[in-house]
PDB file of N, CA and C in Angstrom:
ATOM      1  N   UNK A   1     -13.939  -5.173   9.165  1.00  0.00           N
ATOM      2  CA  UNK A   1     -13.634  -6.117  10.209  1.00  0.00           C
ATOM      3  C   UNK A   1     -13.004  -7.388   9.652  1.00  0.00           C
ATOM      4  N   UNK A   2     -13.282  -7.731   8.432  1.00  0.00           N
ATOM      5  CA  UNK A   2     -12.749  -8.967   7.874  1.00  0.00           C
ATOM      6  C   UNK A   2     -11.247  -8.901   7.662  1.00  0.00           C
ATOM      7  N   UNK A   3     -10.680  -7.711   7.561  1.00  0.00           N
ATOM      8  CA  UNK A   3      -9.249  -7.592   7.308  1.00  0.00           C
ATOM      9  C   UNK A   3      -8.419  -8.229   8.409  1.00  0.00           C
ATOM     10  N   UNK A   4      -8.889  -8.238   9.642  1.00  0.00           N
ATOM     11  CA  UNK A   4      -8.125  -8.802  10.744  1.00  0.00           C
ATOM     12  C   UNK A   4      -7.868 -10.291  10.559  1.00  0.00           C
ATOM     13  N   UNK A   5      -8.715 -10.968   9.860  1.00  0.00           N
ATOM     14  CA  UNK A   5      -8.532 -12.396   9.620  1.00  0.00           C
ATOM     15  C   UNK A   5      -7.234 -12.644   8.869  1.00  0.00           C
ATOM     16  N   UNK A   6      -6.843 -11.713   8.041  1.00  0.00           N
ATOM     17  CA  UNK A   6      -5.650 -11.911   7.231  1.00  0.00           C
ATOM     18  C   UNK A   6      -4.353 -11.519   7.933  1.00  0.00           C
ATOM     19  N   UNK A   7      -4.370 -11.242   9.218  1.00  0.00           N
ATOM     20  CA  UNK A   7      -3.146 -10.901   9.945  1.00  0.00           C
ATOM     21  C   UNK A   7      -2.262 -12.119  10.204  1.00  0.00           C
ATOM     22  N   UNK A   8      -2.856 -13.313  10.208  1.00  0.00           N
ATOM     23  CA  UNK A   8      -2.128 -14.543  10.485  1.00  0.00           C
ATOM     24  C   UNK A   8      -2.531 -15.618   9.476  1.00  0.00           C
ATOM     25  N   UNK A   9      -1.656 -16.594   9.287  1.00  0.00           N
ATOM     26  CA  UNK A   9      -1.958 -17.673   8.339  1.00  0.00           C
ATOM     27  C   UNK A   9      -1.188 -18.933   8.706  1.00  0.00           C
ATOM     28  N   UNK A  10      -1.546 -20.037   8.074  1.00  0.00           N
ATOM     29  CA  UNK A  10      -0.787 -21.278   8.189  1.00  0.00           C
ATOM     30  C   UNK A  10       0.228 -21.311   7.060  1.00  0.00           C
ATOM     31  N   UNK A  11       1.466 -21.573   7.401  1.00  0.00           N
ATOM     32  CA  UNK A  11       2.496 -21.691   6.372  1.00  0.00           C
ATOM     33  C   UNK A  11       2.260 -22.982   5.576  1.00  0.00           C
ATOM     34  N   UNK A  12       2.803 -23.098   4.381  1.00  0.00           N
ATOM     35  CA  UNK A  12       2.618 -24.327   3.598  1.00  0.00           C
ATOM     36  C   UNK A  12       3.087 -25.582   4.343  1.00  0.00           C
ATOM     37  N   UNK A  13       4.129 -25.436   5.160  1.00  0.00           N
ATOM     38  CA  UNK A  13       4.637 -26.583   5.923  1.00  0.00           C
ATOM     39  C   UNK A  13       3.640 -27.031   6.997  1.00  0.00           C
ATOM     40  N   UNK A  14       2.786 -26.126   7.450  1.00  0.00           N
ATOM     41  CA  UNK A  14       1.825 -26.446   8.504  1.00  0.00           C
ATOM     42  C   UNK A  14       0.541 -27.078   7.970  1.00  0.00           C
ATOM     43  N   UNK A  15       0.273 -26.931   6.694  1.00  0.00           N
ATOM     44  CA  UNK A  15      -0.970 -27.447   6.133  1.00  0.00           C
ATOM     45  C   UNK A  15      -0.983 -28.970   6.141  1.00  0.00           C
ATOM     46  N   UNK A  16      -2.091 -29.529   6.530  1.00  0.00           N
ATOM     47  CA  UNK A  16      -2.276 -30.973   6.562  1.00  0.00           C
ATOM     48  C   UNK A  16      -2.860 -31.431   5.226  1.00  0.00           C
ATOM     49  N   UNK A  17      -2.484 -32.606   4.800  1.00  0.00           N
ATOM     50  CA  UNK A  17      -3.031 -33.141   3.558  1.00  0.00           C
ATOM     51  C   UNK A  17      -4.479 -33.582   3.738  1.00  0.00           C
ATOM     52  N   UNK A  18      -4.784 -34.099   4.927  1.00  0.00           N
ATOM     53  CA  UNK A  18      -6.123 -34.601   5.199  1.00  0.00           C
ATOM     54  C   UNK A  18      -6.703 -33.923   6.429  1.00  0.00           C
ATOM     55  N   UNK A  19      -7.980 -34.083   6.623  1.00  0.00           N
ATOM     56  CA  UNK A  19      -8.688 -33.549   7.782  1.00  0.00           C
ATOM     57  C   UNK A  19      -8.073 -34.080   9.074  1.00  0.00           C
ATOM     58  N   UNK A  20      -7.981 -33.234  10.066  1.00  0.00           N
ATOM     59  CA  UNK A  20      -7.520 -33.665  11.379  1.00  0.00           C
ATOM     60  C   UNK A  20      -8.640 -34.493  11.996  1.00  0.00           C
ATOM     61  N   UNK A  21      -8.360 -35.725  12.376  1.00  0.00           N
ATOM     62  CA  UNK A  21      -9.398 -36.667  12.754  1.00  0.00           C
ATOM     63  C   UNK A  21      -9.920 -36.526  14.177  1.00  0.00           C
ATOM     64  N   UNK A  22      -9.192 -35.943  15.054  1.00  0.00           N
ATOM     65  CA  UNK A  22      -9.684 -35.825  16.427  1.00  0.00           C
ATOM     66  C   UNK A  22      -8.737 -34.976  17.249  1.00  0.00           C
ATOM     67  N   UNK A  23      -9.180 -34.681  18.449  1.00  0.00           N
ATOM     68  CA  UNK A  23      -8.368 -33.857  19.338  1.00  0.00           C
ATOM     69  C   UNK A  23      -7.708 -34.779  20.354  1.00  0.00           C
ATOM     70  N   UNK A  24      -6.410 -34.636  20.500  1.00  0.00           N
ATOM     71  CA  UNK A  24      -5.653 -35.450  21.451  1.00  0.00           C
ATOM     72  C   UNK A  24      -6.061 -35.119  22.878  1.00  0.00           C
ATOM     73  N   UNK A  25      -5.672 -35.986  23.810  1.00  0.00           N
ATOM     74  CA  UNK A  25      -5.999 -35.776  25.224  1.00  0.00           C
ATOM     75  C   UNK A  25      -5.502 -34.432  25.734  1.00  0.00           C
ATOM     76  N   UNK A  26      -4.400 -33.972  25.197  1.00  0.00           N
ATOM     77  CA  UNK A  26      -3.802 -32.710  25.652  1.00  0.00           C
ATOM     78  C   UNK A  26      -4.388 -31.497  24.937  1.00  0.00           C
ATOM     79  N   UNK A  27      -5.398 -31.703  24.133  1.00  0.00           N
ATOM     80  CA  UNK A  27      -6.015 -30.592  23.417  1.00  0.00           C
ATOM     81  C   UNK A  27      -5.456 -30.444  22.016  1.00  0.00           C
ATOM     82  N   UNK A  28      -5.687 -29.298  21.449  1.00  0.00           N
ATOM     83  CA  UNK A  28      -5.285 -29.029  20.078  1.00  0.00           C
ATOM     84  C   UNK A  28      -4.564 -27.696  20.066  1.00  0.00           C
ATOM     85  N   UNK A  29      -3.420 -27.659  19.487  1.00  0.00           N
ATOM     86  CA  UNK A  29      -2.623 -26.435  19.426  1.00  0.00           C
ATOM     87  C   UNK A  29      -2.492 -25.996  17.970  1.00  0.00           C
ATOM     88  N   UNK A  30      -2.763 -24.739  17.748  1.00  0.00           N
ATOM     89  CA  UNK A  30      -2.671 -24.177  16.407  1.00  0.00           C
ATOM     90  C   UNK A  30      -1.710 -22.992  16.449  1.00  0.00           C
ATOM     91  N   UNK A  31      -0.627 -23.097  15.732  1.00  0.00           N
ATOM     92  CA  UNK A  31       0.351 -22.013  15.652  1.00  0.00           C
ATOM     93  C   UNK A  31       0.188 -21.313  14.312  1.00  0.00           C
ATOM     94  N   UNK A  32      -0.084 -20.027  14.374  1.00  0.00           N
ATOM     95  CA  UNK A  32      -0.239 -19.235  13.163  1.00  0.00           C
ATOM     96  C   UNK A  32       0.963 -18.317  12.999  1.00  0.00           C
ATOM     97  N   UNK A  33       1.371 -18.125  11.776  1.00  0.00           N
ATOM     98  CA  UNK A  33       2.478 -17.217  11.471  1.00  0.00           C
ATOM     99  C   UNK A  33       1.917 -15.860  11.081  1.00  0.00           C
ATOM    100  N   UNK A  34       2.617 -14.779  11.431  1.00  0.00           N
ATOM    101  CA  UNK A  34       2.144 -13.467  10.992  1.00  0.00           C
ATOM    102  C   UNK A  34       2.322 -13.307   9.486  1.00  0.00           C
ATOM    103  N   UNK A  35       1.351 -12.699   8.855  1.00  0.00           N
ATOM    104  CA  UNK A  35       1.434 -12.436   7.423  1.00  0.00           C
ATOM    105  C   UNK A  35       2.484 -11.337   7.199  1.00  0.00           C
ATOM    106  N   UNK A  36       3.399 -11.525   6.259  1.00  0.00           N
ATOM    107  CA  UNK A  36       4.387 -10.472   5.976  1.00  0.00           C
ATOM    108  C   UNK A  36       3.684  -9.167   5.583  1.00  0.00           C
ATOM    109  N   UNK A  37       4.160  -8.078   6.117  1.00  0.00           N
ATOM    110  CA  UNK A  37       3.563  -6.771   5.837  1.00  0.00           C
ATOM    111  C   UNK A  37       4.031  -6.261   4.484  1.00  0.00           C
ATOM    112  N   UNK A  38       3.102  -6.108   3.558  1.00  0.00           N
ATOM    113  CA  UNK A  38       3.406  -5.651   2.193  1.00  0.00           C
ATOM    114  C   UNK A  38       2.767  -4.302   1.890  1.00  0.00           C
ATOM    115  N   UNK A  39       2.027  -3.768   2.839  1.00  0.00           N
ATOM    116  CA  UNK A  39       1.277  -2.536   2.607  1.00  0.00           C
ATOM    117  C   UNK A  39       2.168  -1.399   2.109  1.00  0.00           C
ATOM    118  N   UNK A  40       3.348  -1.249   2.704  1.00  0.00           N
ATOM    119  CA  UNK A  40       4.246  -0.160   2.324  1.00  0.00           C
ATOM    120  C   UNK A  40       4.763  -0.268   0.899  1.00  0.00           C
ATOM    121  N   UNK A  41       4.767  -1.462   0.339  1.00  0.00           N
ATOM    122  CA  UNK A  41       5.273  -1.655  -1.018  1.00  0.00           C
ATOM    123  C   UNK A  41       4.336  -1.109  -2.082  1.00  0.00           C
ATOM    124  N   UNK A  42       3.075  -0.933  -1.735  1.00  0.00           N
ATOM    125  CA  UNK A  42       2.102  -0.459  -2.735  1.00  0.00           C
ATOM    126  C   UNK A  42       2.529   0.887  -3.289  1.00  0.00           C
ATOM    127  N   UNK A  43       2.897   1.810  -2.415  1.00  0.00           N
ATOM    128  CA  UNK A  43       3.300   3.138  -2.896  1.00  0.00           C
ATOM    129  C   UNK A  43       4.777   3.193  -3.278  1.00  0.00           C
ATOM    130  N   UNK A  44       5.628   2.480  -2.536  1.00  0.00           N
ATOM    131  CA  UNK A  44       7.061   2.584  -2.801  1.00  0.00           C
ATOM    132  C   UNK A  44       7.494   1.823  -4.052  1.00  0.00           C
ATOM    133  N   UNK A  45       6.818   0.723  -4.379  1.00  0.00           N
ATOM    134  CA  UNK A  45       7.254  -0.083  -5.517  1.00  0.00           C
ATOM    135  C   UNK A  45       6.226  -0.235  -6.636  1.00  0.00           C
ATOM    136  N   UNK A  46       4.950  -0.137  -6.295  1.00  0.00           N
ATOM    137  CA  UNK A  46       3.935  -0.402  -7.307  1.00  0.00           C
ATOM    138  C   UNK A  46       3.426   0.877  -7.958  1.00  0.00           C
ATOM    139  N   UNK A  47       2.860   1.797  -7.163  1.00  0.00           N
ATOM    140  CA  UNK A  47       2.301   3.021  -7.726  1.00  0.00           C
ATOM    141  C   UNK A  47       2.380   4.154  -6.705  1.00  0.00           C
ATOM    142  N   UNK A  48       3.387   5.000  -6.802  1.00  0.00           N
ATOM    143  CA  UNK A  48       3.560   6.093  -5.838  1.00  0.00           C
ATOM    144  C   UNK A  48       2.395   7.081  -5.808  1.00  0.00           C
ATOM    145  N   UNK A  49       1.607   7.141  -6.870  1.00  0.00           N
ATOM    146  CA  UNK A  49       0.493   8.092  -6.944  1.00  0.00           C
ATOM    147  C   UNK A  49      -0.796   7.563  -6.316  1.00  0.00           C
ATOM    148  N   UNK A  50      -0.784   6.333  -5.871  1.00  0.00           N
ATOM    149  CA  UNK A  50      -1.971   5.726  -5.277  1.00  0.00           C
ATOM    150  C   UNK A  50      -2.380   6.450  -3.993  1.00  0.00           C
ATOM    151  N   UNK A  51      -3.667   6.648  -3.818  1.00  0.00           N
ATOM    152  CA  UNK A  51      -4.190   7.097  -2.532  1.00  0.00           C
ATOM    153  C   UNK A  51      -4.463   5.825  -1.749  1.00  0.00           C
ATOM    154  N   UNK A  52      -3.682   5.610  -0.713  1.00  0.00           N
ATOM    155  CA  UNK A  52      -3.694   4.335   0.010  1.00  0.00           C
ATOM    156  C   UNK A  52      -4.448   4.474   1.333  1.00  0.00           C
ATOM    157  N   UNK A  53      -5.478   3.671   1.495  1.00  0.00           N
ATOM    158  CA  UNK A  53      -6.308   3.673   2.696  1.00  0.00           C
ATOM    159  C   UNK A  53      -6.167   2.320   3.373  1.00  0.00           C
ATOM    160  N   UNK A  54      -5.914   2.331   4.688  1.00  0.00           N
ATOM    161  CA  UNK A  54      -5.890   1.076   5.439  1.00  0.00           C
ATOM    162  C   UNK A  54      -6.947   1.132   6.538  1.00  0.00           C
ATOM    163  N   UNK A  55      -7.134   0.004   7.200  1.00  0.00           N
ATOM    164  CA  UNK A  55      -8.200  -0.125   8.188  1.00  0.00           C
ATOM    165  C   UNK A  55      -7.641  -0.687   9.481  1.00  0.00           C
ATOM    166  N   UNK A  56      -8.155  -0.204  10.612  1.00  0.00           N
ATOM    167  CA  UNK A  56      -7.749  -0.683  11.933  1.00  0.00           C
ATOM    168  C   UNK A  56      -8.984  -0.932  12.773  1.00  0.00           C
ATOM    169  N   UNK A  57      -8.938  -2.011  13.552  1.00  0.00           N
ATOM    170  CA  UNK A  57      -9.972  -2.316  14.539  1.00  0.00           C
ATOM    171  C   UNK A  57      -9.252  -2.696  15.815  1.00  0.00           C
ATOM    172  N   UNK A  58      -9.566  -2.029  16.913  1.00  0.00           N
ATOM    173  CA  UNK A  58      -8.936  -2.289  18.208  1.00  0.00           C
ATOM    174  C   UNK A  58      -9.986  -2.268  19.304  1.00  0.00           C
ATOM    175  N   UNK A  59      -9.626  -2.792  20.457  1.00  0.00           N
ATOM    176  CA  UNK A  59     -10.515  -2.751  21.625  1.00  0.00           C
ATOM    177  C   UNK A  59     -10.135  -1.622  22.571  1.00  0.00           C
ATOM    178  N   UNK A  60      -8.978  -1.025  22.363  1.00  0.00           N
ATOM    179  CA  UNK A  60      -8.471   0.051  23.218  1.00  0.00           C
ATOM    180  C   UNK A  60      -8.305   1.309  22.365  1.00  0.00           C
ATOM    181  N   UNK A  61      -9.018   2.368  22.715  1.00  0.00           N
ATOM    182  CA  UNK A  61      -8.994   3.593  21.909  1.00  0.00           C
ATOM    183  C   UNK A  61      -7.598   4.199  21.819  1.00  0.00           C
ATOM    184  N   UNK A  62      -6.795   4.103  22.888  1.00  0.00           N
ATOM    185  CA  UNK A  62      -5.435   4.638  22.833  1.00  0.00           C
ATOM    186  C   UNK A  62      -4.574   3.855  21.835  1.00  0.00           C
ATOM    187  N   UNK A  63      -4.740   2.549  21.810  1.00  0.00           N
ATOM    188  CA  UNK A  63      -4.022   1.736  20.825  1.00  0.00           C
ATOM    189  C   UNK A  63      -4.500   2.048  19.412  1.00  0.00           C
ATOM    190  N   UNK A  64      -5.778   2.286  19.274  1.00  0.00           N
ATOM    191  CA  UNK A  64      -6.355   2.581  17.965  1.00  0.00           C
ATOM    192  C   UNK A  64      -5.688   3.813  17.357  1.00  0.00           C
ATOM    193  N   UNK A  65      -5.574   4.854  18.138  1.00  0.00           N
ATOM    194  CA  UNK A  65      -4.956   6.078  17.627  1.00  0.00           C
ATOM    195  C   UNK A  65      -3.474   5.876  17.322  1.00  0.00           C
ATOM    196  N   UNK A  66      -2.732   5.288  18.244  1.00  0.00           N
ATOM    197  CA  UNK A  66      -1.291   5.132  18.024  1.00  0.00           C
ATOM    198  C   UNK A  66      -0.998   4.195  16.851  1.00  0.00           C
ATOM    199  N   UNK A  67      -1.756   3.107  16.724  1.00  0.00           N
ATOM    200  CA  UNK A  67      -1.532   2.186  15.609  1.00  0.00           C
ATOM    201  C   UNK A  67      -1.939   2.804  14.276  1.00  0.00           C
ATOM    202  N   UNK A  68      -2.981   3.608  14.284  1.00  0.00           N
ATOM    203  CA  UNK A  68      -3.411   4.271  13.047  1.00  0.00           C
ATOM    204  C   UNK A  68      -2.356   5.274  12.587  1.00  0.00           C
ATOM    205  N   UNK A  69      -1.861   6.086  13.505  1.00  0.00           N
ATOM    206  CA  UNK A  69      -0.830   7.056  13.151  1.00  0.00           C
ATOM    207  C   UNK A  69       0.469   6.359  12.752  1.00  0.00           C
ATOM    208  N   UNK A  70       0.761   5.223  13.385  1.00  0.00           N
ATOM    209  CA  UNK A  70       1.946   4.459  13.030  1.00  0.00           C
ATOM    210  C   UNK A  70       1.835   3.877  11.624  1.00  0.00           C
ATOM    211  N   UNK A  71       0.642   3.459  11.221  1.00  0.00           N
ATOM    212  CA  UNK A  71       0.447   2.946   9.860  1.00  0.00           C
ATOM    213  C   UNK A  71       0.724   4.029   8.827  1.00  0.00           C
ATOM    214  N   UNK A  72       0.335   5.243   9.148  1.00  0.00           N
ATOM    215  CA  UNK A  72       0.604   6.368   8.239  1.00  0.00           C
ATOM    216  C   UNK A  72       2.110   6.570   8.110  1.00  0.00           C
ATOM    217  N   UNK A  73       2.799   6.543   9.244  1.00  0.00           N
ATOM    218  CA  UNK A  73       4.240   6.773   9.254  1.00  0.00           C
ATOM    219  C   UNK A  73       5.020   5.600   8.655  1.00  0.00           C
ATOM    220  N   UNK A  74       4.704   4.392   9.081  1.00  0.00           N
ATOM    221  CA  UNK A  74       5.483   3.208   8.693  1.00  0.00           C
ATOM    222  C   UNK A  74       5.221   2.751   7.269  1.00  0.00           C
ATOM    223  N   UNK A  75       3.949   2.719   6.867  1.00  0.00           N
ATOM    224  CA  UNK A  75       3.600   2.150   5.562  1.00  0.00           C
ATOM    225  C   UNK A  75       3.275   3.202   4.509  1.00  0.00           C
ATOM    226  N   UNK A  76       3.268   4.471   4.893  1.00  0.00           N
ATOM    227  CA  UNK A  76       3.011   5.535   3.935  1.00  0.00           C
ATOM    228  C   UNK A  76       1.572   5.623   3.480  1.00  0.00           C
ATOM    229  N   UNK A  77       0.645   5.080   4.284  1.00  0.00           N
ATOM    230  CA  UNK A  77      -0.754   5.189   3.881  1.00  0.00           C
ATOM    231  C   UNK A  77      -1.212   6.637   4.018  1.00  0.00           C
ATOM    232  N   UNK A  78      -2.162   7.016   3.217  1.00  0.00           N
ATOM    233  CA  UNK A  78      -2.670   8.384   3.249  1.00  0.00           C
ATOM    234  C   UNK A  78      -3.755   8.565   4.292  1.00  0.00           C
ATOM    235  N   UNK A  79      -4.446   7.486   4.589  1.00  0.00           N
ATOM    236  CA  UNK A  79      -5.600   7.583   5.470  1.00  0.00           C
ATOM    237  C   UNK A  79      -5.831   6.236   6.143  1.00  0.00           C
ATOM    238  N   UNK A  80      -6.296   6.274   7.402  1.00  0.00           N
ATOM    239  CA  UNK A  80      -6.675   5.055   8.112  1.00  0.00           C
ATOM    240  C   UNK A  80      -8.110   5.218   8.589  1.00  0.00           C
ATOM    241  N   UNK A  81      -8.944   4.261   8.230  1.00  0.00           N
ATOM    242  CA  UNK A  81     -10.321   4.210   8.707  1.00  0.00           C
ATOM    243  C   UNK A  81     -10.288   3.288   9.925  1.00  0.00           C
ATOM    244  N   UNK A  82     -10.602   3.839  11.094  1.00  0.00           N
ATOM    245  CA  UNK A  82     -10.393   3.107  12.338  1.00  0.00           C
ATOM    246  C   UNK A  82     -11.680   2.978  13.148  1.00  0.00           C
ATOM    247  N   UNK A  83     -11.841   1.789  13.728  1.00  0.00           N
ATOM    248  CA  UNK A  83     -12.996   1.522  14.587  1.00  0.00           C
ATOM    249  C   UNK A  83     -12.522   0.942  15.906  1.00  0.00           C
ATOM    250  N   UNK A  84     -13.220   1.310  16.973  1.00  0.00           N
ATOM    251  CA  UNK A  84     -13.063   0.625  18.249  1.00  0.00           C
ATOM    252  C   UNK A  84     -14.131  -0.463  18.267  1.00  0.00           C
ATOM    253  N   UNK A  85     -13.763  -1.658  18.689  1.00  0.00           N
ATOM    254  CA  UNK A  85     -14.674  -2.795  18.612  1.00  0.00           C
ATOM    255  C   UNK A  85     -16.033  -2.496  19.243  1.00  0.00           C
ATOM    256  N   UNK A  86     -16.027  -1.869  20.396  1.00  0.00           N
ATOM    257  CA  UNK A  86     -17.264  -1.628  21.133  1.00  0.00           C
ATOM    258  C   UNK A  86     -18.227  -0.697  20.403  1.00  0.00           C
ATOM    259  N   UNK A  87     -17.720   0.189  19.572  1.00  0.00           N
ATOM    260  CA  UNK A  87     -18.574   1.165  18.882  1.00  0.00           C
ATOM    261  C   UNK A  87     -18.462   1.029  17.360  1.00  0.00           C
ATOM    262  N   UNK A  88     -18.059  -0.140  16.885  1.00  0.00           N
ATOM    263  CA  UNK A  88     -17.778  -0.323  15.463  1.00  0.00           C
ATOM    264  C   UNK A  88     -18.967  -0.090  14.545  1.00  0.00           C
ATOM    265  N   UNK A  89     -20.171  -0.259  15.052  1.00  0.00           N
ATOM    266  CA  UNK A  89     -21.358  -0.093  14.208  1.00  0.00           C
ATOM    267  C   UNK A  89     -21.878   1.340  14.197  1.00  0.00           C
ATOM    268  N   UNK A  90     -21.382   2.157  15.101  1.00  0.00           N
ATOM    269  CA  UNK A  90     -21.923   3.515  15.198  1.00  0.00           C
ATOM    270  C   UNK A  90     -20.883   4.613  15.068  1.00  0.00           C
ATOM    271  N   UNK A  91     -19.612   4.277  15.118  1.00  0.00           N
ATOM    272  CA  UNK A  91     -18.590   5.323  15.123  1.00  0.00           C
ATOM    273  C   UNK A  91     -17.362   4.888  14.341  1.00  0.00           C
ATOM    274  N   UNK A  92     -16.824   5.790  13.568  1.00  0.00           N
ATOM    275  CA  UNK A  92     -15.580   5.553  12.833  1.00  0.00           C
ATOM    276  C   UNK A  92     -14.716   6.804  12.961  1.00  0.00           C
ATOM    277  N   UNK A  93     -13.421   6.596  13.111  1.00  0.00           N
ATOM    278  CA  UNK A  93     -12.470   7.695  13.143  1.00  0.00           C
ATOM    279  C   UNK A  93     -11.595   7.582  11.905  1.00  0.00           C
ATOM    280  N   UNK A  94     -11.427   8.700  11.218  1.00  0.00           N
ATOM    281  CA  UNK A  94     -10.586   8.710  10.024  1.00  0.00           C
ATOM    282  C   UNK A  94      -9.342   9.534  10.326  1.00  0.00           C
ATOM    283  N   UNK A  95      -8.200   8.876  10.255  1.00  0.00           N
ATOM    284  CA  UNK A  95      -6.911   9.537  10.460  1.00  0.00           C
ATOM    285  C   UNK A  95      -6.326   9.816   9.086  1.00  0.00           C
ATOM    286  N   UNK A  96      -5.904  11.054   8.876  1.00  0.00           N
ATOM    287  CA  UNK A  96      -5.336  11.457   7.596  1.00  0.00           C
ATOM    288  C   UNK A  96      -3.833  11.643   7.760  1.00  0.00           C
ATOM    289  N   UNK A  97      -3.093  11.597   6.668  1.00  0.00           N
ATOM    290  CA  UNK A  97      -1.635  11.674   6.748  1.00  0.00           C
ATOM    291  C   UNK A  97      -1.114  12.946   7.404  1.00  0.00           C
ATOM    292  N   UNK A  98      -1.919  13.999   7.463  1.00  0.00           N
ATOM    293  CA  UNK A  98      -1.457  15.202   8.170  1.00  0.00           C
ATOM    294  C   UNK A  98      -1.814  15.134   9.656  1.00  0.00           C
ATOM    295  N   UNK A  99      -2.177  13.932  10.120  1.00  0.00           N
ATOM    296  CA  UNK A  99      -2.510  13.597  11.507  1.00  0.00           C
ATOM    297  C   UNK A  99      -3.776  14.260  12.034  1.00  0.00           C
ATOM    298  N   UNK A 100      -4.542  14.896  11.168  1.00  0.00           N
ATOM    299  CA  UNK A 100      -5.853  15.367  11.604  1.00  0.00           C
ATOM    300  C   UNK A 100      -6.812  14.189  11.529  1.00  0.00           C
ATOM    301  N   UNK A 101      -7.841  14.212  12.344  1.00  0.00           N
ATOM    302  CA  UNK A 101      -8.803  13.122  12.284  1.00  0.00           C
ATOM    303  C   UNK A 101     -10.186  13.642  12.595  1.00  0.00           C
ATOM    304  N   UNK A 102     -11.146  12.880  12.181  1.00  0.00           N
ATOM    305  CA  UNK A 102     -12.535  13.250  12.402  1.00  0.00           C
ATOM    306  C   UNK A 102     -13.308  12.020  12.841  1.00  0.00           C
ATOM    307  N   UNK A 103     -14.101  12.180  13.876  1.00  0.00           N
ATOM    308  CA  UNK A 103     -14.945  11.092  14.342  1.00  0.00           C
ATOM    309  C   UNK A 103     -16.313  11.248  13.698  1.00  0.00           C
ATOM    310  N   UNK A 104     -16.754  10.215  13.013  1.00  0.00           N
ATOM    311  CA  UNK A 104     -18.070  10.201  12.401  1.00  0.00           C
ATOM    312  C   UNK A 104     -18.932   9.256  13.206  1.00  0.00           C
ATOM    313  N   UNK A 105     -20.120   9.703  13.575  1.00  0.00           N
ATOM    314  CA  UNK A 105     -20.980   8.875  14.407  1.00  0.00           C
ATOM    315  C   UNK A 105     -22.369   8.776  13.800  1.00  0.00           C
ATOM    316  N   UNK A 106     -22.903   7.562  13.808  1.00  0.00           N
ATOM    317  CA  UNK A 106     -24.265   7.328  13.335  1.00  0.00           C
ATOM    318  C   UNK A 106     -25.211   7.524  14.507  1.00  0.00           C
ATOM    319  N   UNK A 107     -26.237   8.310  14.315  1.00  0.00           N
ATOM    320  CA  UNK A 107     -27.213   8.564  15.372  1.00  0.00           C
ATOM    321  C   UNK A 107     -28.159   7.386  15.572  1.00  0.00           C
ATOM    322  N   UNK A 108     -28.929   7.431  16.640  1.00  0.00           N
ATOM    323  CA  UNK A 108     -29.858   6.350  16.957  1.00  0.00           C
ATOM    324  C   UNK A 108     -30.903   6.130  15.864  1.00  0.00           C
ATOM    325  N   UNK A 109     -31.298   7.182  15.172  1.00  0.00           N
ATOM    326  CA  UNK A 109     -32.340   7.065  14.139  1.00  0.00           C
ATOM    327  C   UNK A 109     -31.771   6.722  12.765  1.00  0.00           C
ATOM    328  N   UNK A 110     -30.439   6.711  12.644  1.00  0.00           N
ATOM    329  CA  UNK A 110     -29.802   6.381  11.379  1.00  0.00           C
ATOM    330  C   UNK A 110     -29.697   4.868  11.226  1.00  0.00           C
ATOM    331  N   UNK A 111     -29.500   4.428  10.006  1.00  0.00           N
ATOM    332  CA  UNK A 111     -29.326   3.008   9.737  1.00  0.00           C
ATOM    333  C   UNK A 111     -27.931   2.596  10.198  1.00  0.00           C
ATOM    334  N   UNK A 112     -27.848   1.530  10.980  1.00  0.00           N
ATOM    335  CA  UNK A 112     -26.569   1.011  11.438  1.00  0.00           C
ATOM    336  C   UNK A 112     -26.032   0.027  10.419  1.00  0.00           C
ATOM    337  N   UNK A 113     -24.732  -0.068  10.386  1.00  0.00           N
ATOM    338  CA  UNK A 113     -24.054  -0.982   9.456  1.00  0.00           C
ATOM    339  C   UNK A 113     -23.810  -2.301  10.165  1.00  0.00           C
ATOM    340  N   UNK A 114     -24.217  -3.396   9.552  1.00  0.00           N
ATOM    341  CA  UNK A 114     -23.954  -4.732  10.118  1.00  0.00           C
ATOM    342  C   UNK A 114     -22.884  -5.423   9.337  1.00  0.00           C
TER     343      UNK A 114
END
């Protein structure tokens, strides 16, 4: 789940030298830039033999599947470990580069992951 935090960032030009002292009458606006996608470079430029696994978390199961399969196609990852937000502690779907997938589910008596 922590990987989603790295999807956006403040550019060096946006960073303030000092703490922001207060919120203006009109509120506070924060513009984040998307982090450049470098995932595909791992296999194409760094190590073609790497087994590359990426992670997806979505709130919509249809988006989860399409984005996971797209990561395999676009970035050349071998596998995507995917969670739907609502069932993230009990269920994971693993998409493999041959587009087969398996849903793994933790039962009520099993230890849940926090």
